[in-house]
C-alpha atoms as a PDB file:
ATOM      1  CA  MET A   1     -23.248 -37.186 -30.868  1.00  0.00           C
ATOM      2  CA  LYS A   2     -22.544 -39.725 -28.127  1.00  0.00           C
ATOM      3  CA  ILE A   3     -20.116 -37.394 -26.332  1.00  0.00           C
ATOM      4  CA  LEU A   4     -22.539 -34.472 -26.636  1.00  0.00           C
ATOM      5  CA  LYS A   5     -25.303 -36.610 -25.146  1.00  0.00           C
ATOM      6  CA  LYS A   6     -23.094 -37.663 -22.266  1.00  0.00           C
ATOM      7  CA  ASN A   7     -21.997 -34.115 -21.613  1.00  0.00           C
ATOM      8  CA  LYS A   8     -25.652 -33.191 -21.029  1.00  0.00           C
ATOM      9  CA  ILE A   9     -25.353 -35.040 -17.721  1.00  0.00           C
ATOM     10  CA  LEU A  10     -23.287 -32.104 -16.507  1.00  0.00           C
ATOM     11  CA  LEU A  11     -26.319 -29.862 -16.921  1.00  0.00           C
ATOM     12  CA  THR A  12     -28.024 -31.752 -14.082  1.00  0.00           C
ATOM     13  CA  LEU A  13     -25.284 -30.664 -11.691  1.00  0.00           C
ATOM     14  CA  ASN A  14     -25.312 -27.323  -9.963  1.00  0.00           C
ATOM     15  CA  LYS A  15     -23.228 -24.474 -11.286  1.00  0.00           C
ATOM     16  CA  THR A  16     -20.754 -24.852  -8.415  1.00  0.00           C
ATOM     17  CA  MET A  17     -19.774 -28.362  -9.481  1.00  0.00           C
ATOM     18  CA  ASN A  18     -19.491 -27.341 -13.130  1.00  0.00           C
ATOM     19  CA  LYS A  19     -17.191 -24.514 -12.061  1.00  0.00           C
ATOM     20  CA  LYS A  20     -15.115 -26.935  -9.981  1.00  0.00           C
ATOM     21  CA  LEU A  21     -14.653 -29.266 -12.952  1.00  0.00           C
ATOM     22  CA  LEU A  22     -13.368 -26.387 -15.076  1.00  0.00           C
ATOM     23  CA  GLN A  23     -11.040 -25.312 -12.259  1.00  0.00           C
ATOM     24  CA  PHE A  24      -9.672 -28.811 -11.951  1.00  0.00           C
ATOM     25  CA  GLU A  25      -9.047 -29.054 -15.702  1.00  0.00           C
ATOM     26  CA  LYS A  26      -6.972 -25.879 -15.483  1.00  0.00           C
ATOM     27  CA  LYS A  27      -5.103 -27.238 -12.464  1.00  0.00           C
ATOM     28  CA  ILE A  28      -3.954 -30.345 -14.365  1.00  0.00           C
ATOM     29  CA  ASN A  29      -3.765 -28.499 -17.718  1.00  0.00           C
ATOM     30  CA  ILE A  30      -6.045 -30.969 -19.518  1.00  0.00           C
ATOM     31  CA  ASN A  31      -9.214 -30.041 -21.423  1.00  0.00           C
ATOM     32  CA  PHE A  32     -11.383 -33.162 -21.524  1.00  0.00           C
ATOM     33  CA  ASN A  33     -13.306 -33.840 -24.712  1.00  0.00           C
ATOM     34  CA  ASN A  34     -15.833 -35.852 -22.705  1.00  0.00           C
ATOM     35  CA  LYS A  35     -16.475 -33.933 -19.490  1.00  0.00           C
ATOM     36  CA  THR A  36     -18.589 -36.773 -18.140  1.00  0.00           C
ATOM     37  CA  ILE A  37     -15.616 -39.106 -17.904  1.00  0.00           C
ATOM     38  CA  LEU A  38     -13.853 -36.565 -15.676  1.00  0.00           C
ATOM     39  CA  LEU A  39     -16.976 -36.333 -13.548  1.00  0.00           C
ATOM     40  CA  GLN A  40     -17.065 -40.119 -13.262  1.00  0.00           C
ATOM     41  CA  ALA A  41     -13.412 -40.232 -12.196  1.00  0.00           C
ATOM     42  CA  LEU A  42     -14.210 -37.840  -9.348  1.00  0.00           C
ATOM     43  CA  THR A  43     -17.353 -39.692  -8.212  1.00  0.00           C
ATOM     44  CA  HIS A  44     -16.963 -42.052  -5.261  1.00  0.00           C
ATOM     45  CA  LYS A  45     -19.315 -45.025  -4.916  1.00  0.00           C
ATOM     46  CA  SER A  46     -20.729 -43.642  -1.669  1.00  0.00           C
ATOM     47  CA  TYR A  47     -22.061 -40.600  -3.555  1.00  0.00           C
ATOM     48  CA  ILE A  48     -24.009 -42.787  -6.005  1.00  0.00           C
ATOM     49  CA  ASN A  49     -25.405 -44.866  -3.128  1.00  0.00           C
ATOM     50  CA  GLU A  50     -26.669 -41.670  -1.524  1.00  0.00           C
ATOM     51  CA  HIS A  51     -27.874 -39.996  -4.737  1.00  0.00           C
ATOM     52  CA  HIS A  52     -29.845 -42.692  -6.529  1.00  0.00           C
ATOM     53  CA  LYS A  53     -30.945 -40.326  -9.296  1.00  0.00           C
ATOM     54  CA  ALA A  54     -27.403 -39.364 -10.254  1.00  0.00           C
ATOM     55  CA  GLU A  55     -26.846 -40.166 -13.927  1.00  0.00           C
ATOM     56  CA  GLN A  56     -23.077 -40.611 -13.844  1.00  0.00           C
ATOM     57  CA  ASN A  57     -21.358 -43.829 -12.794  1.00  0.00           C
ATOM     58  CA  HIS A  58     -18.945 -44.135  -9.869  1.00  0.00           C
ATOM     59  CA  ASN A  59     -15.220 -44.397 -10.531  1.00  0.00           C
ATOM     60  CA  GLU A  60     -14.368 -48.039  -9.711  1.00  0.00           C
ATOM     61  CA  ARG A  61     -14.071 -49.198 -13.341  1.00  0.00           C
ATOM     62  CA  LEU A  62     -11.887 -46.213 -14.213  1.00  0.00           C
ATOM     63  CA  GLU A  63      -9.789 -46.960 -11.133  1.00  0.00           C
ATOM     64  CA  PHE A  64      -9.293 -50.532 -12.375  1.00  0.00           C
ATOM     65  CA  LEU A  65      -8.126 -49.233 -15.763  1.00  0.00           C
ATOM     66  CA  GLY A  66      -5.993 -46.442 -14.328  1.00  0.00           C
ATOM     67  CA  ASP A  67      -4.175 -48.832 -12.015  1.00  0.00           C
ATOM     68  CA  ALA A  68      -3.033 -50.871 -15.040  1.00  0.00           C
ATOM     69  CA  VAL A  69      -2.095 -47.775 -17.064  1.00  0.00           C
ATOM     70  CA  LEU A  70      -0.106 -46.342 -14.150  1.00  0.00           C
ATOM     71  CA  GLU A  71       1.787 -49.588 -13.574  1.00  0.00           C
ATOM     72  CA  PHE A  72       2.594 -50.001 -17.281  1.00  0.00           C
ATOM     73  CA  ILE A  73       3.829 -46.432 -17.774  1.00  0.00           C
ATOM     74  CA  THR A  74       5.836 -46.504 -14.538  1.00  0.00           C
ATOM     75  CA  THR A  75       7.380 -49.879 -15.366  1.00  0.00           C
ATOM     76  CA  ARG A  76       8.448 -48.748 -18.821  1.00  0.00           C
ATOM     77  CA  TYR A  77       9.850 -45.472 -17.492  1.00  0.00           C
ATOM     78  CA  LEU A  78      11.952 -47.266 -14.866  1.00  0.00           C
ATOM     79  CA  TYR A  79      13.096 -49.917 -17.347  1.00  0.00           C
ATOM     80  CA  GLU A  80      14.302 -47.275 -19.796  1.00  0.00           C
ATOM     81  CA  THR A  81      15.766 -44.918 -17.184  1.00  0.00           C
ATOM     82  CA  PHE A  82      17.723 -47.389 -15.034  1.00  0.00           C
ATOM     83  CA  LYS A  83      19.351 -49.676 -17.574  1.00  0.00           C
ATOM     84  CA  ASN A  84      21.737 -51.368 -15.126  1.00  0.00           C
ATOM     85  CA  GLU A  85      19.449 -51.883 -12.143  1.00  0.00           C
ATOM     86  CA  PRO A  86      18.182 -55.419 -11.397  1.00  0.00           C
ATOM     87  CA  GLU A  87      14.521 -56.342 -11.523  1.00  0.00           C
ATOM     88  CA  GLY A  88      14.223 -56.384  -7.734  1.00  0.00           C
ATOM     89  CA  LYS A  89      15.399 -52.785  -7.368  1.00  0.00           C
ATOM     90  CA  LEU A  90      13.093 -51.588 -10.158  1.00  0.00           C
ATOM     91  CA  THR A  91      10.188 -53.297  -8.400  1.00  0.00           C
ATOM     92  CA  GLU A  92      11.020 -51.438  -5.192  1.00  0.00           C
ATOM     93  CA  PHE A  93      11.231 -48.111  -7.058  1.00  0.00           C
ATOM     94  CA  ARG A  94       7.857 -48.762  -8.680  1.00  0.00           C
ATOM     95  CA  ALA A  95       6.189 -49.751  -5.412  1.00  0.00           C
ATOM     96  CA  SER A  96       7.376 -46.515  -3.788  1.00  0.00           C
ATOM     97  CA  LEU A  97       5.999 -44.410  -6.633  1.00  0.00           C
ATOM     98  CA  VAL A  98       2.558 -46.003  -6.955  1.00  0.00           C
ATOM     99  CA  ASN A  99       1.697 -47.078  -3.403  1.00  0.00           C
ATOM    100  CA  THR A 100      -1.303 -45.669  -1.539  1.00  0.00           C
ATOM    101  CA  LYS A 101       0.702 -43.112   0.422  1.00  0.00           C
ATOM    102  CA  SER A 102       2.427 -41.730  -2.677  1.00  0.00           C
ATOM    103  CA  LEU A 103      -0.792 -41.430  -4.691  1.00  0.00           C
ATOM    104  CA  ALA A 104      -2.642 -39.906  -1.740  1.00  0.00           C
ATOM    105  CA  ASN A 105       0.098 -37.294  -1.444  1.00  0.00           C
ATOM    106  CA  THR A 106      -0.313 -36.547  -5.150  1.00  0.00           C
ATOM    107  CA  ALA A 107      -4.043 -36.079  -4.558  1.00  0.00           C
ATOM    108  CA  LYS A 108      -3.359 -33.736  -1.646  1.00  0.00           C
ATOM    109  CA  SER A 109      -0.939 -31.667  -3.727  1.00  0.00           C
ATOM    110  CA  LEU A 110      -3.780 -31.158  -6.214  1.00  0.00           C
ATOM    111  CA  ASN A 111      -6.261 -30.372  -3.399  1.00  0.00           C
ATOM    112  CA  LEU A 112      -8.289 -33.190  -4.911  1.00  0.00           C
ATOM    113  CA  GLU A 113     -10.613 -33.567  -1.919  1.00  0.00           C
ATOM    114  CA  LYS A 114     -12.224 -30.280  -2.926  1.00  0.00           C
ATOM    115  CA  TYR A 115     -13.402 -31.812  -6.207  1.00  0.00           C
ATOM    116  CA  ILE A 116     -14.413 -35.374  -5.211  1.00  0.00           C
ATOM    117  CA  LEU A 117     -18.107 -36.249  -4.980  1.00  0.00           C
ATOM    118  CA  LEU A 118     -18.594 -38.150  -1.713  1.00  0.00           C
ATOM    119  CA  SER A 119     -21.522 -39.110   0.504  1.00  0.00           C
ATOM    120  CA  ARG A 120     -22.270 -36.880   3.487  1.00  0.00           C
ATOM    121  CA  GLY A 121     -20.881 -39.549   5.809  1.00  0.00           C
ATOM    122  CA  GLU A 122     -17.574 -39.772   3.959  1.00  0.00           C
ATOM    123  CA  ARG A 123     -17.410 -35.988   3.640  1.00  0.00           C
ATOM    124  CA  LYS A 124     -17.737 -35.432   7.398  1.00  0.00           C
ATOM    125  CA  SER A 125     -14.640 -37.429   8.214  1.00  0.00           C
ATOM    126  CA  GLU A 126     -11.142 -36.757   6.928  1.00  0.00           C
ATOM    127  CA  THR A 127     -10.900 -38.269   3.463  1.00  0.00           C
ATOM    128  CA  LYS A 128      -9.021 -41.534   3.684  1.00  0.00           C
ATOM    129  CA  ASN A 129      -5.745 -41.959   1.842  1.00  0.00           C
ATOM    130  CA  THR A 130      -7.208 -44.997   0.074  1.00  0.00           C
ATOM    131  CA  ILE A 131     -10.051 -42.938  -1.426  1.00  0.00           C
ATOM    132  CA  LEU A 132      -7.640 -40.228  -2.551  1.00  0.00           C
ATOM    133  CA  ALA A 133      -5.257 -42.769  -4.112  1.00  0.00           C
ATOM    134  CA  ASN A 134      -8.124 -44.525  -5.887  1.00  0.00           C
ATOM    135  CA  VAL A 135      -9.332 -41.246  -7.388  1.00  0.00           C
ATOM    136  CA  ILE A 136      -5.843 -40.575  -8.772  1.00  0.00           C
ATOM    137  CA  GLU A 137      -5.938 -43.997 -10.462  1.00  0.00           C
ATOM    138  CA  ALA A 138      -9.444 -43.307 -11.789  1.00  0.00           C
ATOM    139  CA  LEU A 139      -8.273 -39.936 -13.093  1.00  0.00           C
ATOM    140  CA  ILE A 140      -5.376 -41.604 -14.929  1.00  0.00           C
ATOM    141  CA  GLY A 141      -7.854 -44.054 -16.461  1.00  0.00           C
ATOM    142  CA  ALA A 142     -10.068 -41.160 -17.570  1.00  0.00           C
ATOM    143  CA  ILE A 143      -7.127 -39.267 -19.084  1.00  0.00           C
ATOM    144  CA  PHE A 144      -6.041 -42.390 -20.959  1.00  0.00           C
ATOM    145  CA  LEU A 145      -9.513 -42.957 -22.437  1.00  0.00           C
ATOM    146  CA  ASP A 146     -10.154 -39.321 -23.296  1.00  0.00           C
ATOM    147  CA  GLN A 147      -6.685 -38.085 -24.296  1.00  0.00           C
ATOM    148  CA  GLY A 148      -4.580 -41.181 -25.006  1.00  0.00           C
ATOM    149  CA  ILE A 149      -1.439 -42.772 -23.614  1.00  0.00           C
ATOM    150  CA  LYS A 150       0.823 -39.764 -24.322  1.00  0.00           C
ATOM    151  CA  GLU A 151      -1.236 -37.397 -22.174  1.00  0.00           C
ATOM    152  CA  ALA A 152      -1.561 -40.029 -19.431  1.00  0.00           C
ATOM    153  CA  LYS A 153       2.227 -40.402 -19.379  1.00  0.00           C
ATOM    154  CA  GLN A 154       2.679 -36.624 -19.198  1.00  0.00           C
ATOM    155  CA  PHE A 155       0.307 -36.393 -16.216  1.00  0.00           C
ATOM    156  CA  ILE A 156       2.094 -39.232 -14.398  1.00  0.00           C
ATOM    157  CA  ALA A 157       5.506 -37.699 -15.111  1.00  0.00           C
ATOM    158  CA  GLN A 158       4.423 -34.287 -13.833  1.00  0.00           C
ATOM    159  CA  PHE A 159       2.658 -35.390 -10.667  1.00  0.00           C
ATOM    160  CA  ILE A 160       4.325 -38.700  -9.716  1.00  0.00           C
ATOM    161  CA  PHE A 161       7.731 -39.329 -11.318  1.00  0.00           C
ATOM    162  CA  TYR A 162       9.281 -36.184  -9.830  1.00  0.00           C
ATOM    163  CA  LYS A 163       9.297 -37.969  -6.437  1.00  0.00           C
ATOM    164  CA  LEU A 164      11.836 -40.539  -7.560  1.00  0.00           C
ATOM    165  CA  ASP A 165      14.969 -38.510  -6.775  1.00  0.00           C
ATOM    166  CA  ASP A 166      13.914 -38.064  -3.146  1.00  0.00           C
ATOM    167  CA  ILE A 167      12.874 -41.726  -2.899  1.00  0.00           C
ATOM    168  CA  ILE A 168      16.330 -42.857  -4.032  1.00  0.00           C
ATOM    169  CA  LYS A 169      18.181 -40.286  -1.942  1.00  0.00           C
ATOM    170  CA  SER A 170      16.316 -41.211   1.251  1.00  0.00           C
ATOM    171  CA  LYS A 171      16.293 -44.937   0.392  1.00  0.00           C
ATOM    172  CA  SER A 172      12.595 -44.960   1.215  1.00  0.00           C
ATOM    173  CA  TYR A 173      12.120 -47.431  -1.647  1.00  0.00           C
ATOM    174  CA  GLN A 174      13.394 -50.192   0.590  1.00  0.00           C
ATOM    175  CA  ASN A 175      10.650 -52.720   1.242  1.00  0.00           C
ATOM    176  CA  ALA A 176       8.591 -51.699   4.276  1.00  0.00           C
ATOM    177  CA  LYS A 177       8.124 -55.316   5.315  1.00  0.00           C
ATOM    178  CA  GLY A 178      11.877 -55.869   5.304  1.00  0.00           C
ATOM    179  CA  GLN A 179      12.482 -52.712   7.326  1.00  0.00           C
ATOM    180  CA  LEU A 180       9.831 -53.687   9.884  1.00  0.00           C
ATOM    181  CA  GLN A 181      11.240 -57.187  10.257  1.00  0.00           C
ATOM    182  CA  GLU A 182      14.758 -55.833  10.764  1.00  0.00           C
ATOM    183  CA  ILE A 183      13.547 -53.475  13.513  1.00  0.00           C
ATOM    184  CA  THR A 184      11.391 -56.028  15.331  1.00  0.00           C
ATOM    185  CA  GLN A 185      14.061 -58.714  15.256  1.00  0.00           C
ATOM    186  CA  SER A 186      16.574 -56.232  16.650  1.00  0.00           C
ATOM    187  CA  LYS A 187      14.336 -54.803  19.369  1.00  0.00           C
ATOM    188  CA  ASN A 188      11.917 -57.600  20.210  1.00  0.00           C
ATOM    189  CA  LYS A 189      13.646 -60.723  18.887  1.00  0.00           C
ATOM    190  CA  SER A 190      10.427 -61.471  17.001  1.00  0.00           C
ATOM    191  CA  THR A 191       9.103 -61.571  13.436  1.00  0.00           C
ATOM    192  CA  PRO A 192       6.005 -59.657  12.245  1.00  0.00           C
ATOM    193  CA  ILE A 193       3.019 -61.853  11.417  1.00  0.00           C
ATOM    194  CA  TYR A 194       0.554 -60.815   8.696  1.00  0.00           C
ATOM    195  CA  GLU A 195      -3.048 -62.032   8.832  1.00  0.00           C
ATOM    196  CA  LEU A 196      -5.851 -61.460   6.327  1.00  0.00           C
ATOM    197  CA  ILE A 197      -8.720 -59.678   8.070  1.00  0.00           C
ATOM    198  CA  SER A 198     -11.171 -59.275   5.197  1.00  0.00           C
ATOM    199  CA  GLU A 199     -11.604 -58.995   1.451  1.00  0.00           C
ATOM    200  CA  GLU A 200     -14.392 -56.947  -0.067  1.00  0.00           C
ATOM    201  CA  GLY A 201     -15.681 -55.958  -3.479  1.00  0.00           C
ATOM    202  CA  PRO A 202     -16.185 -57.662  -6.852  1.00  0.00           C
ATOM    203  CA  GLU A 203     -13.628 -60.127  -8.202  1.00  0.00           C
ATOM    204  CA  HIS A 204     -12.116 -57.584 -10.622  1.00  0.00           C
ATOM    205  CA  SER A 205     -11.701 -54.914  -7.929  1.00  0.00           C
ATOM    206  CA  LYS A 206     -11.239 -56.519  -4.518  1.00  0.00           C
ATOM    207  CA  ILE A 207      -9.854 -54.668  -1.526  1.00  0.00           C
ATOM    208  CA  PHE A 208      -7.866 -56.753   0.962  1.00  0.00           C
ATOM    209  CA  LYS A 209      -7.359 -55.781   4.592  1.00  0.00           C
ATOM    210  CA  VAL A 210      -4.398 -57.275   6.431  1.00  0.00           C
ATOM    211  CA  GLY A 211      -3.296 -56.864  10.034  1.00  0.00           C
ATOM    212  CA  VAL A 212       0.339 -56.957  11.150  1.00  0.00           C
ATOM    213  CA  PHE A 213       1.010 -58.465  14.573  1.00  0.00           C
ATOM    214  CA  ILE A 214       4.134 -58.347  16.732  1.00  0.00           C
ATOM    215  CA  ASN A 215       4.249 -60.663  19.744  1.00  0.00           C
ATOM    216  CA  ASN A 216       0.522 -61.357  19.210  1.00  0.00           C
ATOM    217  CA  LYS A 217      -0.292 -57.632  19.425  1.00  0.00           C
ATOM    218  CA  LYS A 218      -1.975 -55.970  16.439  1.00  0.00           C
ATOM    219  CA  ILE A 219       0.163 -52.985  15.430  1.00  0.00           C
ATOM    220  CA  ALA A 220      -1.572 -51.764  12.288  1.00  0.00           C
ATOM    221  CA  ILE A 221      -4.065 -52.615   9.547  1.00  0.00           C
ATOM    222  CA  GLY A 222      -3.275 -52.051   5.889  1.00  0.00           C
ATOM    223  CA  GLN A 223      -5.311 -52.432   2.724  1.00  0.00           C
ATOM    224  CA  GLY A 224      -4.651 -52.843  -0.970  1.00  0.00           C
ATOM    225  CA  LYS A 225      -5.775 -54.464  -4.190  1.00  0.00           C
ATOM    226  CA  SER A 226      -3.783 -57.595  -3.427  1.00  0.00           C
ATOM    227  CA  LYS A 227      -2.689 -59.314  -0.229  1.00  0.00           C
ATOM    228  CA  GLN A 228       0.892 -58.295  -0.949  1.00  0.00           C
ATOM    229  CA  LYS A 229      -0.018 -54.616  -1.320  1.00  0.00           C
ATOM    230  CA  ALA A 230      -2.127 -54.794   1.836  1.00  0.00           C
ATOM    231  CA  GLU A 231       0.778 -56.324   3.766  1.00  0.00           C
ATOM    232  CA  ILE A 232       3.137 -53.585   2.551  1.00  0.00           C
ATOM    233  CA  ASN A 233       0.597 -50.918   3.511  1.00  0.00           C
ATOM    234  CA  ALA A 234       0.246 -52.485   6.981  1.00  0.00           C
ATOM    235  CA  ALA A 235       4.044 -52.536   7.369  1.00  0.00           C
ATOM    236  CA  GLU A 236       4.255 -48.852   6.309  1.00  0.00           C
ATOM    237  CA  LYS A 237       1.683 -47.884   8.949  1.00  0.00           C
ATOM    238  CA  ALA A 238       3.456 -49.969  11.581  1.00  0.00           C
ATOM    239  CA  LEU A 239       6.741 -48.224  10.768  1.00  0.00           C
ATOM    240  CA  GLU A 240       5.075 -44.819  11.146  1.00  0.00           C
ATOM    241  CA  LYS A 241       3.845 -45.791  14.620  1.00  0.00           C
ATOM    242  CA  ILE A 242       7.201 -47.207  15.668  1.00  0.00           C
ATOM    243  CA  ASN A 243       9.112 -44.198  14.383  1.00  0.00           C
END
C-alpha cells in the first residue's frame, strides 16, 4: 500500500516526464518497484527550490547512500580481482573509477541530462559534471534500496567497471596530485599549493571547494565530498589546462 501511495506522486507529473522515466528504465534495464524512488534520484535540489509544490524529495540523501554503496562494491571488486596488488594501487584504481569525471562520463553515456529534473537556471547552462556525477550516485542508492545489492552491483559493473582496462593501460589511475607536482617541479621548480576556498551543505553531505595554486597563481578549482577529493579534482582540472 505504501509503494502504491508513493507511486501516485507520478500522476502529478506530466505525461512527458512519465514517458521519460519509462524510457530511462529501459535504458538501464531495470524495472523499479517504487517509481517514486527513481524520480527522487533524478530530482536535483534546485528543482525543488523552484517548484515548492513538488511532492517528491530531492536526491541528496540517495546520493549519500549511493556514494557508500558504490565505494563498497568497487572496493570489494578490486580486492577480489587484484589479489597481489598493494593497498595503495587498489586505492588509485578505485579513485579513477569513482571520481567526478568518471561518473560524469557514465552519466553522459546514458544521456542522463535528458532525464534530470533541474531548475530553469541550471537547465540553461551546460549541466555541471558534479551534478551528473551526483545523480549517478543517487541512482545507485535508489537501485540498492529498490532492487538490492545484487542489482546495484550489476549496474556498476555494466556502466563503470568496464573502464578499468583502459585506466590501467593508460596509467591514468596515477594520482593526479602526484602527476601535477612532478610536472610543476620539472617546469617551474615549484610545488602546487592547495587552499580550501569554501565548504557548503549539511554535515552529512558537505561539498568542499579547493583551489590549486602554482607560484601564487590560481590554476584551477576543484570540488568533492572531502578535502582530499576536492584537491584531486583540482589537480585533474589543472592537468587538463596544462596539457
